[in-house]
């Protein structure tokens, strides 16, 4: 006796139909994977960009906070190594009869902070993703006229504020953070 598992008139898929459907499914899965991979790459790149922007803002706020503590008569723009780069230098009171000379300058793609006290000097790296061209710039802005001074050896005048600018390197171009600060002392 013969057992027939298929009812009369009903046929299964042919090998050609199965191969075509597997090919279509493979194309759809490859497209979905490509979209997912592209989205993941964009998300990672944008999170890196956000981290750089956040780091730039935090560092600039730290510098600004320290400049606010500076003695106004000690703030000056110093030449840095004979090039057109400039360093910001000022004195900060650190207790009774103790002062520290603080300098911020750019070294390659790094923002450096130097602190000189009577007991020696220390250098810290504050930021490592500065643009190599004008990554850190300082100018004195006249509050009445809006004119700027960036000359080496310039000292802060009474009617001026300090404008600090950081340009951080990103994949998609530089990101600029800027603030104006007035020393309190």
N, C-alpha and C. Protein backbone atom coordinates (compact mmCIF):
# COMPACT_ATOMS: atom_id res chain seq x y z
N UNK A 1 0.82 -1.16 0.00
CA UNK A 1 0.00 0.00 0.00
C UNK A 1 0.87 1.24 0.00
N UNK A 2 0.47 2.20 -0.73
CA UNK A 2 1.22 3.42 -0.92
C UNK A 2 0.57 4.55 -0.14
N UNK A 3 1.39 5.30 0.68
CA UNK A 3 0.86 6.42 1.44
C UNK A 3 1.26 7.70 0.72
N UNK A 4 0.30 8.55 0.44
CA UNK A 4 0.54 9.82 -0.26
C UNK A 4 0.35 10.95 0.75
N UNK A 5 1.42 11.66 1.04
CA UNK A 5 1.36 12.73 2.03
C UNK A 5 0.80 14.03 1.48
N UNK A 6 0.74 14.18 0.20
CA UNK A 6 0.24 15.40 -0.39
C UNK A 6 -1.15 15.16 -0.93
N UNK A 7 -1.97 16.10 -0.65
CA UNK A 7 -3.33 15.98 -1.18
C UNK A 7 -3.29 16.27 -2.66
N UNK A 8 -4.26 15.80 -3.33
CA UNK A 8 -4.36 15.97 -4.78
C UNK A 8 -4.48 17.44 -5.12
N UNK A 9 -3.71 17.95 -6.06
CA UNK A 9 -3.80 19.32 -6.55
C UNK A 9 -2.96 20.31 -5.77
N UNK A 10 -2.33 19.90 -4.69
CA UNK A 10 -1.49 20.83 -3.93
C UNK A 10 -0.04 20.45 -4.14
N UNK A 11 0.72 21.43 -4.58
CA UNK A 11 2.13 21.17 -4.83
C UNK A 11 2.99 21.94 -3.85
N UNK A 12 4.24 21.57 -3.68
CA UNK A 12 5.18 22.27 -2.81
C UNK A 12 5.96 23.31 -3.60
N UNK A 13 6.97 23.89 -2.93
CA UNK A 13 7.82 24.86 -3.61
C UNK A 13 8.85 24.12 -4.45
N UNK A 14 9.14 24.70 -5.56
CA UNK A 14 10.19 24.11 -6.38
C UNK A 14 11.54 24.60 -5.89
N UNK A 15 12.58 23.94 -6.28
CA UNK A 15 13.93 24.34 -5.88
C UNK A 15 14.25 25.75 -6.36
N UNK A 16 13.82 26.11 -7.53
CA UNK A 16 14.06 27.45 -8.07
C UNK A 16 13.37 28.51 -7.22
N UNK A 17 12.14 28.24 -6.78
CA UNK A 17 11.43 29.21 -5.93
C UNK A 17 12.12 29.37 -4.58
N UNK A 18 12.60 28.29 -4.01
CA UNK A 18 13.32 28.38 -2.73
C UNK A 18 14.62 29.17 -2.88
N UNK A 19 15.35 28.97 -3.97
CA UNK A 19 16.59 29.71 -4.19
C UNK A 19 16.32 31.20 -4.39
N UNK A 20 15.29 31.54 -5.12
CA UNK A 20 14.94 32.95 -5.35
C UNK A 20 14.54 33.60 -4.02
N UNK A 21 13.72 32.93 -3.21
CA UNK A 21 13.29 33.52 -1.94
C UNK A 21 14.47 33.65 -0.97
N UNK A 22 15.39 32.69 -0.96
CA UNK A 22 16.60 32.81 -0.12
C UNK A 22 17.47 33.97 -0.59
N UNK A 23 17.59 34.16 -1.88
CA UNK A 23 18.37 35.28 -2.43
C UNK A 23 17.78 36.62 -2.03
N UNK A 24 16.46 36.75 -2.13
CA UNK A 24 15.80 38.00 -1.74
C UNK A 24 15.98 38.26 -0.25
N UNK A 25 15.83 37.21 0.56
CA UNK A 25 16.01 37.36 2.01
C UNK A 25 17.45 37.77 2.34
N UNK A 26 18.43 37.23 1.64
CA UNK A 26 19.83 37.59 1.85
C UNK A 26 20.07 39.06 1.52
N UNK A 27 19.50 39.53 0.43
CA UNK A 27 19.64 40.94 0.05
C UNK A 27 19.01 41.85 1.10
N UNK A 28 17.83 41.51 1.59
CA UNK A 28 17.16 42.31 2.61
C UNK A 28 17.96 42.33 3.92
N UNK A 29 18.48 41.19 4.33
CA UNK A 29 19.29 41.15 5.55
C UNK A 29 20.59 41.95 5.39
N UNK A 30 21.22 41.88 4.23
CA UNK A 30 22.45 42.65 3.99
C UNK A 30 22.16 44.15 4.02
N UNK A 31 21.03 44.56 3.46
CA UNK A 31 20.66 45.99 3.49
C UNK A 31 20.39 46.44 4.91
N UNK A 32 19.69 45.62 5.69
CA UNK A 32 19.40 45.97 7.09
C UNK A 32 20.70 46.08 7.89
N UNK A 33 21.63 45.15 7.68
CA UNK A 33 22.91 45.18 8.39
C UNK A 33 23.71 46.43 8.01
N UNK A 34 23.72 46.79 6.75
CA UNK A 34 24.43 47.98 6.29
C UNK A 34 23.86 49.23 6.93
N UNK A 35 22.54 49.33 6.98
CA UNK A 35 21.90 50.49 7.63
C UNK A 35 22.26 50.54 9.11
N UNK A 36 22.21 49.41 9.78
CA UNK A 36 22.54 49.35 11.20
C UNK A 36 23.99 49.76 11.43
N UNK A 37 24.90 49.23 10.62
CA UNK A 37 26.32 49.53 10.75
C UNK A 37 26.59 51.02 10.51
N UNK A 38 25.95 51.61 9.51
CA UNK A 38 26.12 53.04 9.22
C UNK A 38 25.60 53.89 10.38
N UNK A 39 24.45 53.53 10.90
CA UNK A 39 23.88 54.26 12.04
C UNK A 39 24.76 54.18 13.26
N UNK A 40 25.32 53.01 13.52
CA UNK A 40 26.22 52.83 14.65
C UNK A 40 27.49 53.67 14.49
N UNK A 41 28.04 53.70 13.27
CA UNK A 41 29.23 54.51 13.02
C UNK A 41 28.96 56.00 13.22
N UNK A 42 27.82 56.48 12.75
CA UNK A 42 27.45 57.89 12.93
C UNK A 42 27.28 58.21 14.41
N UNK A 43 26.64 57.31 15.13
CA UNK A 43 26.42 57.54 16.56
C UNK A 43 27.75 57.63 17.30
N UNK A 44 28.69 56.73 16.99
CA UNK A 44 29.99 56.76 17.65
C UNK A 44 30.76 58.04 17.31
N UNK A 45 30.72 58.45 16.04
CA UNK A 45 31.43 59.67 15.65
C UNK A 45 30.84 60.89 16.33
N UNK A 46 29.52 60.98 16.37
CA UNK A 46 28.88 62.13 17.01
C UNK A 46 29.10 62.15 18.51
N UNK A 47 29.17 60.99 19.15
CA UNK A 47 29.46 60.96 20.58
C UNK A 47 30.89 61.41 20.84
N UNK A 48 31.83 61.10 19.93
CA UNK A 48 33.20 61.60 20.05
C UNK A 48 33.24 63.12 19.89
N UNK A 49 32.49 63.63 18.92
CA UNK A 49 32.41 65.08 18.69
C UNK A 49 31.84 65.77 19.93
N UNK A 50 30.80 65.20 20.49
CA UNK A 50 30.18 65.77 21.69
C UNK A 50 31.17 65.78 22.85
N UNK A 51 31.95 64.71 22.99
CA UNK A 51 32.94 64.65 24.07
C UNK A 51 34.00 65.74 23.90
N UNK A 52 34.44 65.97 22.67
CA UNK A 52 35.43 67.02 22.41
C UNK A 52 34.86 68.40 22.74
N UNK A 53 33.61 68.64 22.33
CA UNK A 53 32.98 69.93 22.62
C UNK A 53 32.84 70.12 24.13
N UNK A 54 32.41 69.08 24.81
CA UNK A 54 32.23 69.15 26.26
C UNK A 54 33.57 69.42 26.94
N UNK A 55 34.61 68.73 26.52
CA UNK A 55 35.93 68.92 27.11
C UNK A 55 36.42 70.35 26.89
N UNK A 56 36.20 70.88 25.69
CA UNK A 56 36.60 72.26 25.41
C UNK A 56 35.89 73.26 26.29
N UNK A 57 34.59 73.09 26.47
CA UNK A 57 33.83 74.01 27.34
C UNK A 57 34.28 73.91 28.79
N UNK A 58 34.51 72.70 29.26
CA UNK A 58 34.94 72.52 30.66
C UNK A 58 36.31 73.15 30.89
N UNK A 59 37.25 72.91 29.98
CA UNK A 59 38.59 73.47 30.13
C UNK A 59 38.55 74.99 30.08
N UNK A 60 37.77 75.55 29.16
CA UNK A 60 37.69 77.01 29.07
C UNK A 60 37.08 77.59 30.35
N UNK A 61 36.12 76.92 30.92
CA UNK A 61 35.52 77.40 32.18
C UNK A 61 36.55 77.33 33.31
N UNK A 62 37.38 76.29 33.34
CA UNK A 62 38.43 76.20 34.36
C UNK A 62 39.44 77.33 34.22
N UNK A 63 39.84 77.61 32.98
CA UNK A 63 40.78 78.71 32.73
C UNK A 63 40.15 80.04 33.14
N UNK A 64 38.90 80.24 32.74
CA UNK A 64 38.20 81.50 33.07
C UNK A 64 38.07 81.69 34.57
N UNK A 65 37.77 80.62 35.28
CA UNK A 65 37.63 80.70 36.74
C UNK A 65 38.96 81.12 37.38
N UNK A 66 40.05 80.58 36.86
CA UNK A 66 41.35 80.94 37.42
C UNK A 66 41.74 82.37 37.05
N UNK A 67 41.40 82.80 35.84
CA UNK A 67 41.71 84.17 35.42
C UNK A 67 40.92 85.18 36.26
N UNK A 68 39.71 84.82 36.65
CA UNK A 68 38.92 85.72 37.50
C UNK A 68 39.60 85.98 38.83
N UNK A 69 40.38 85.01 39.31
CA UNK A 69 41.11 85.16 40.58
C UNK A 69 42.39 85.99 40.42
N UNK A 70 42.77 86.30 39.19
CA UNK A 70 44.04 86.97 38.92
C UNK A 70 44.04 88.41 39.41
N UNK A 71 45.22 88.89 39.72
CA UNK A 71 45.38 90.32 39.99
C UNK A 71 45.32 91.04 38.66
N UNK A 72 44.41 91.99 38.52
CA UNK A 72 44.18 92.66 37.23
C UNK A 72 45.44 93.33 36.70
N UNK A 73 46.28 93.86 37.59
CA UNK A 73 47.48 94.56 37.13
C UNK A 73 48.59 93.60 36.67
N UNK A 74 48.37 92.29 36.85
CA UNK A 74 49.41 91.33 36.46
C UNK A 74 49.09 90.57 35.18
N UNK A 75 47.91 90.75 34.62
CA UNK A 75 47.51 89.97 33.44
C UNK A 75 48.19 90.55 32.21
N UNK A 76 48.89 89.67 31.47
CA UNK A 76 49.55 90.13 30.26
C UNK A 76 49.63 89.01 29.22
N UNK A 77 49.76 89.42 27.97
CA UNK A 77 49.96 88.49 26.87
C UNK A 77 51.45 88.40 26.61
N UNK A 78 51.98 87.20 26.68
CA UNK A 78 53.42 87.00 26.53
C UNK A 78 53.73 86.33 25.20
N UNK A 79 54.89 86.65 24.60
CA UNK A 79 55.30 85.91 23.40
C UNK A 79 55.63 84.48 23.79
N UNK A 80 55.38 83.56 22.89
CA UNK A 80 55.64 82.16 23.18
C UNK A 80 56.60 81.59 22.14
N UNK A 81 57.85 81.56 22.44
CA UNK A 81 58.83 80.91 21.57
C UNK A 81 59.16 81.64 20.29
N UNK A 82 58.95 82.94 20.21
CA UNK A 82 59.36 83.69 19.04
C UNK A 82 58.40 83.59 17.86
N UNK A 83 57.39 82.75 17.92
CA UNK A 83 56.43 82.66 16.82
C UNK A 83 55.31 83.67 17.06
N UNK A 84 54.25 83.58 16.28
CA UNK A 84 53.14 84.50 16.49
C UNK A 84 52.16 83.96 17.54
N UNK A 85 52.52 82.84 18.18
CA UNK A 85 51.69 82.31 19.25
C UNK A 85 51.86 83.17 20.49
N UNK A 86 50.81 83.19 21.30
CA UNK A 86 50.86 83.99 22.52
C UNK A 86 50.45 83.15 23.71
N UNK A 87 50.96 83.53 24.87
CA UNK A 87 50.61 82.87 26.13
C UNK A 87 49.97 83.90 27.05
N UNK A 88 49.04 83.46 27.85
CA UNK A 88 48.42 84.31 28.85
C UNK A 88 49.14 84.06 30.17
N UNK A 89 49.55 85.15 30.82
CA UNK A 89 50.27 85.02 32.08
C UNK A 89 49.68 85.98 33.09
N UNK A 90 49.59 85.55 34.36
CA UNK A 90 49.04 86.40 35.42
C UNK A 90 49.46 85.88 36.78
N UNK A 91 49.25 86.69 37.80
CA UNK A 91 49.56 86.32 39.18
C UNK A 91 48.26 86.07 39.93
N UNK A 92 48.31 85.05 40.81
CA UNK A 92 47.16 84.70 41.64
C UNK A 92 47.63 84.68 43.09
N UNK A 93 46.88 85.33 43.97
CA UNK A 93 47.19 85.28 45.39
C UNK A 93 46.79 83.92 45.94
N UNK A 94 47.70 83.31 46.70
CA UNK A 94 47.44 81.99 47.28
C UNK A 94 47.64 82.02 48.78
N UNK A 95 47.05 82.96 49.41
CA UNK A 95 47.20 83.07 50.86
C UNK A 95 48.03 84.28 51.21
N UNK A 96 48.37 84.35 52.46
CA UNK A 96 49.13 85.50 52.94
C UNK A 96 50.53 85.54 52.33
N UNK A 97 50.85 86.63 51.70
CA UNK A 97 52.18 86.88 51.13
C UNK A 97 52.65 85.79 50.15
N UNK A 98 51.75 85.03 49.57
CA UNK A 98 52.13 84.00 48.61
C UNK A 98 51.40 84.22 47.30
N UNK A 99 52.17 84.27 46.24
CA UNK A 99 51.60 84.43 44.90
C UNK A 99 52.15 83.35 43.99
N UNK A 100 51.35 83.00 43.01
CA UNK A 100 51.79 82.04 42.00
C UNK A 100 51.65 82.70 40.64
N UNK A 101 52.66 82.50 39.78
CA UNK A 101 52.59 82.98 38.41
C UNK A 101 52.02 81.84 37.57
N UNK A 102 50.92 82.09 36.89
CA UNK A 102 50.25 81.06 36.09
C UNK A 102 50.33 81.48 34.63
N UNK A 103 50.64 80.53 33.76
CA UNK A 103 50.69 80.76 32.32
C UNK A 103 49.88 79.69 31.62
N UNK A 104 49.14 80.10 30.61
CA UNK A 104 48.45 79.17 29.72
C UNK A 104 49.01 79.39 28.33
N UNK A 105 49.42 78.30 27.67
CA UNK A 105 49.99 78.42 26.34
C UNK A 105 49.70 77.15 25.55
N UNK A 106 49.82 77.29 24.24
CA UNK A 106 49.60 76.15 23.35
C UNK A 106 50.93 75.53 22.98
N UNK A 107 51.01 74.21 23.08
CA UNK A 107 52.19 73.47 22.67
C UNK A 107 51.71 72.37 21.72
N UNK A 108 51.86 72.62 20.41
CA UNK A 108 51.33 71.67 19.42
C UNK A 108 49.81 71.65 19.49
N UNK A 109 49.25 70.48 19.77
CA UNK A 109 47.79 70.36 19.88
C UNK A 109 47.36 70.31 21.34
N UNK A 110 48.22 70.76 22.26
CA UNK A 110 47.92 70.71 23.68
C UNK A 110 47.83 72.10 24.29
N UNK A 111 46.90 72.27 25.22
CA UNK A 111 46.85 73.47 26.03
C UNK A 111 47.57 73.15 27.33
N UNK A 112 48.63 73.92 27.61
CA UNK A 112 49.46 73.68 28.78
C UNK A 112 49.21 74.76 29.82
N UNK A 113 49.29 74.36 31.09
CA UNK A 113 49.19 75.29 32.21
C UNK A 113 50.48 75.16 33.01
N UNK A 114 51.14 76.29 33.20
CA UNK A 114 52.36 76.31 34.01
C UNK A 114 52.11 77.13 35.26
N UNK A 115 52.57 76.61 36.36
CA UNK A 115 52.42 77.32 37.63
C UNK A 115 53.79 77.39 38.29
N UNK A 116 54.24 78.62 38.53
CA UNK A 116 55.53 78.85 39.17
C UNK A 116 55.29 79.50 40.52
N UNK A 117 55.78 78.84 41.54
CA UNK A 117 55.75 79.41 42.88
C UNK A 117 57.18 79.42 43.38
N UNK A 118 57.35 79.90 44.58
CA UNK A 118 58.68 79.93 45.16
C UNK A 118 59.28 78.54 45.32
N UNK A 119 58.43 77.51 45.40
CA UNK A 119 58.93 76.16 45.63
C UNK A 119 59.15 75.36 44.34
N UNK A 120 59.15 76.02 43.20
CA UNK A 120 59.39 75.31 41.94
C UNK A 120 58.29 75.55 40.93
N UNK A 121 58.34 74.78 39.84
CA UNK A 121 57.38 74.97 38.75
C UNK A 121 56.69 73.64 38.45
N UNK A 122 55.49 73.75 37.94
CA UNK A 122 54.75 72.57 37.53
C UNK A 122 54.03 72.85 36.22
N UNK A 123 53.95 71.85 35.36
CA UNK A 123 53.26 71.99 34.08
C UNK A 123 52.22 70.89 33.97
N UNK A 124 51.02 71.27 33.58
CA UNK A 124 49.93 70.32 33.39
C UNK A 124 49.38 70.46 31.98
N UNK A 125 48.97 69.34 31.40
CA UNK A 125 48.28 69.36 30.12
C UNK A 125 46.79 69.46 30.43
N UNK A 126 46.13 70.49 29.89
CA UNK A 126 44.70 70.68 30.14
C UNK A 126 43.83 70.13 29.03
N UNK A 127 44.30 70.19 27.80
CA UNK A 127 43.50 69.78 26.66
C UNK A 127 44.43 69.23 25.60
N UNK A 128 44.04 68.15 24.90
CA UNK A 128 44.94 67.52 23.94
C UNK A 128 44.43 67.55 22.51
N UNK A 129 43.34 68.20 22.24
CA UNK A 129 42.80 68.20 20.87
C UNK A 129 42.63 69.61 20.33
N UNK A 130 43.62 70.46 20.56
CA UNK A 130 43.56 71.82 20.03
C UNK A 130 43.93 71.83 18.55
N UNK A 131 43.35 72.76 17.82
CA UNK A 131 43.77 72.97 16.44
C UNK A 131 45.20 73.50 16.48
N UNK A 132 46.01 73.04 15.57
CA UNK A 132 47.42 73.47 15.57
C UNK A 132 47.57 74.93 15.17
N UNK A 133 46.64 75.46 14.40
CA UNK A 133 46.66 76.87 14.01
C UNK A 133 45.70 77.63 14.93
N UNK A 134 46.23 78.51 15.77
CA UNK A 134 45.43 79.35 16.66
C UNK A 134 44.46 78.55 17.52
N UNK A 135 44.93 77.45 18.10
CA UNK A 135 44.08 76.63 18.96
C UNK A 135 43.72 77.33 20.25
N UNK A 136 44.62 78.16 20.76
CA UNK A 136 44.37 78.93 21.98
C UNK A 136 44.76 80.36 21.68
N UNK A 137 43.81 81.26 21.79
CA UNK A 137 44.15 82.66 21.55
C UNK A 137 43.58 83.53 22.66
N UNK A 138 44.30 84.61 22.92
CA UNK A 138 43.94 85.55 23.97
C UNK A 138 43.96 86.94 23.37
N UNK A 139 42.96 87.73 23.73
CA UNK A 139 42.98 89.14 23.34
C UNK A 139 42.34 89.97 24.44
N UNK A 140 42.73 91.22 24.50
CA UNK A 140 42.13 92.17 25.43
C UNK A 140 41.15 93.00 24.63
N UNK A 141 39.91 93.05 25.10
CA UNK A 141 38.86 93.76 24.38
C UNK A 141 38.46 94.99 25.17
N UNK A 142 38.50 96.14 24.50
CA UNK A 142 38.08 97.40 25.11
C UNK A 142 36.56 97.40 25.21
N UNK A 143 36.03 97.58 26.41
CA UNK A 143 34.57 97.52 26.60
C UNK A 143 33.85 98.72 26.00
N UNK A 144 34.56 99.81 25.78
CA UNK A 144 33.92 101.00 25.20
C UNK A 144 33.89 100.94 23.68
N UNK A 145 35.03 100.63 23.08
CA UNK A 145 35.14 100.69 21.62
C UNK A 145 35.01 99.33 20.93
N UNK A 146 35.22 98.23 21.67
CA UNK A 146 35.17 96.91 21.07
C UNK A 146 36.46 96.51 20.36
N UNK A 147 37.48 97.39 20.41
CA UNK A 147 38.74 97.06 19.74
C UNK A 147 39.49 95.99 20.53
N UNK A 148 40.31 95.21 19.79
CA UNK A 148 41.05 94.10 20.38
C UNK A 148 42.55 94.35 20.31
N UNK A 149 43.25 93.87 21.35
CA UNK A 149 44.71 93.91 21.36
C UNK A 149 45.22 92.50 21.61
N UNK A 150 46.18 92.07 20.78
CA UNK A 150 46.79 90.74 20.93
C UNK A 150 48.31 90.84 20.98
N UNK A 151 48.85 92.00 21.12
CA UNK A 151 50.29 92.21 21.04
C UNK A 151 51.00 91.55 22.21
N UNK A 152 52.14 90.95 21.92
CA UNK A 152 52.97 90.39 22.98
C UNK A 152 53.44 91.51 23.89
N UNK A 153 53.41 91.27 25.17
CA UNK A 153 53.81 92.27 26.15
C UNK A 153 52.67 93.19 26.57
N UNK A 154 51.48 93.02 25.99
CA UNK A 154 50.34 93.86 26.36
C UNK A 154 49.86 93.51 27.77
N UNK A 155 49.56 94.54 28.51
CA UNK A 155 48.98 94.36 29.85
C UNK A 155 47.52 94.78 29.81
N UNK A 156 46.72 94.15 30.65
CA UNK A 156 45.30 94.43 30.72
C UNK A 156 45.08 95.85 31.25
N UNK A 157 44.33 96.65 30.49
CA UNK A 157 44.01 98.02 30.91
C UNK A 157 42.72 98.00 31.74
N UNK A 158 42.43 99.13 32.36
CA UNK A 158 41.28 99.20 33.27
C UNK A 158 39.94 99.00 32.56
N UNK A 159 39.82 99.45 31.33
CA UNK A 159 38.53 99.37 30.63
C UNK A 159 38.47 98.16 29.68
N UNK A 160 39.26 97.11 29.97
CA UNK A 160 39.31 95.96 29.08
C UNK A 160 38.90 94.68 29.80
N UNK A 161 38.44 93.73 29.00
CA UNK A 161 38.17 92.37 29.48
C UNK A 161 39.05 91.41 28.68
N UNK A 162 39.22 90.22 29.21
CA UNK A 162 40.05 89.21 28.55
C UNK A 162 39.13 88.30 27.74
N UNK A 163 39.45 88.14 26.46
CA UNK A 163 38.68 87.22 25.62
C UNK A 163 39.54 85.99 25.37
N UNK A 164 39.04 84.82 25.79
CA UNK A 164 39.74 83.55 25.63
C UNK A 164 39.03 82.74 24.56
N UNK A 165 39.78 82.14 23.65
CA UNK A 165 39.20 81.33 22.58
C UNK A 165 39.96 80.02 22.48
N UNK A 166 39.21 78.91 22.45
CA UNK A 166 39.78 77.58 22.20
C UNK A 166 39.18 77.06 20.91
N UNK A 167 40.03 76.52 20.05
CA UNK A 167 39.57 75.84 18.83
C UNK A 167 39.98 74.38 18.94
N UNK A 168 38.99 73.51 19.08
CA UNK A 168 39.24 72.08 19.25
C UNK A 168 39.08 71.36 17.92
N UNK A 169 39.94 70.37 17.68
CA UNK A 169 39.88 69.59 16.45
C UNK A 169 38.76 68.57 16.55
N UNK A 170 38.00 68.47 15.46
CA UNK A 170 36.98 67.45 15.33
C UNK A 170 37.13 66.80 13.96
N UNK A 171 36.45 65.69 13.77
CA UNK A 171 36.47 65.02 12.47
C UNK A 171 35.84 65.90 11.42
N UNK A 172 34.76 66.59 11.78
CA UNK A 172 33.98 67.38 10.82
C UNK A 172 34.43 68.83 10.74
N UNK A 173 35.52 69.19 11.38
CA UNK A 173 36.00 70.57 11.37
C UNK A 173 36.24 71.05 12.79
N UNK A 174 36.79 72.23 12.93
CA UNK A 174 37.11 72.76 14.25
C UNK A 174 35.86 73.25 14.97
N UNK A 175 35.91 73.16 16.29
CA UNK A 175 34.84 73.65 17.16
C UNK A 175 35.45 74.77 18.01
N UNK A 176 34.80 75.91 18.03
CA UNK A 176 35.32 77.08 18.74
C UNK A 176 34.49 77.37 19.98
N UNK A 177 35.19 77.56 21.10
CA UNK A 177 34.56 77.96 22.36
C UNK A 177 35.20 79.28 22.76
N UNK A 178 34.38 80.24 23.17
CA UNK A 178 34.91 81.56 23.49
C UNK A 178 34.19 82.12 24.71
N UNK A 179 34.94 82.86 25.52
CA UNK A 179 34.34 83.53 26.67
C UNK A 179 35.12 84.81 26.97
N UNK A 180 34.48 85.68 27.70
CA UNK A 180 35.13 86.91 28.16
C UNK A 180 35.15 86.92 29.67
N UNK A 181 36.29 87.35 30.22
CA UNK A 181 36.51 87.28 31.66
C UNK A 181 37.07 88.62 32.14
N UNK A 182 36.64 89.02 33.33
CA UNK A 182 37.19 90.18 34.01
C UNK A 182 37.79 89.74 35.32
N UNK A 183 39.08 89.99 35.55
CA UNK A 183 39.66 89.62 36.84
C UNK A 183 38.98 90.37 37.98
N UNK A 184 38.80 89.72 39.10
CA UNK A 184 38.10 90.33 40.24
C UNK A 184 39.03 91.17 41.10
N UNK A 185 40.29 90.78 41.17
CA UNK A 185 41.21 91.49 42.07
C UNK A 185 41.83 92.68 41.40
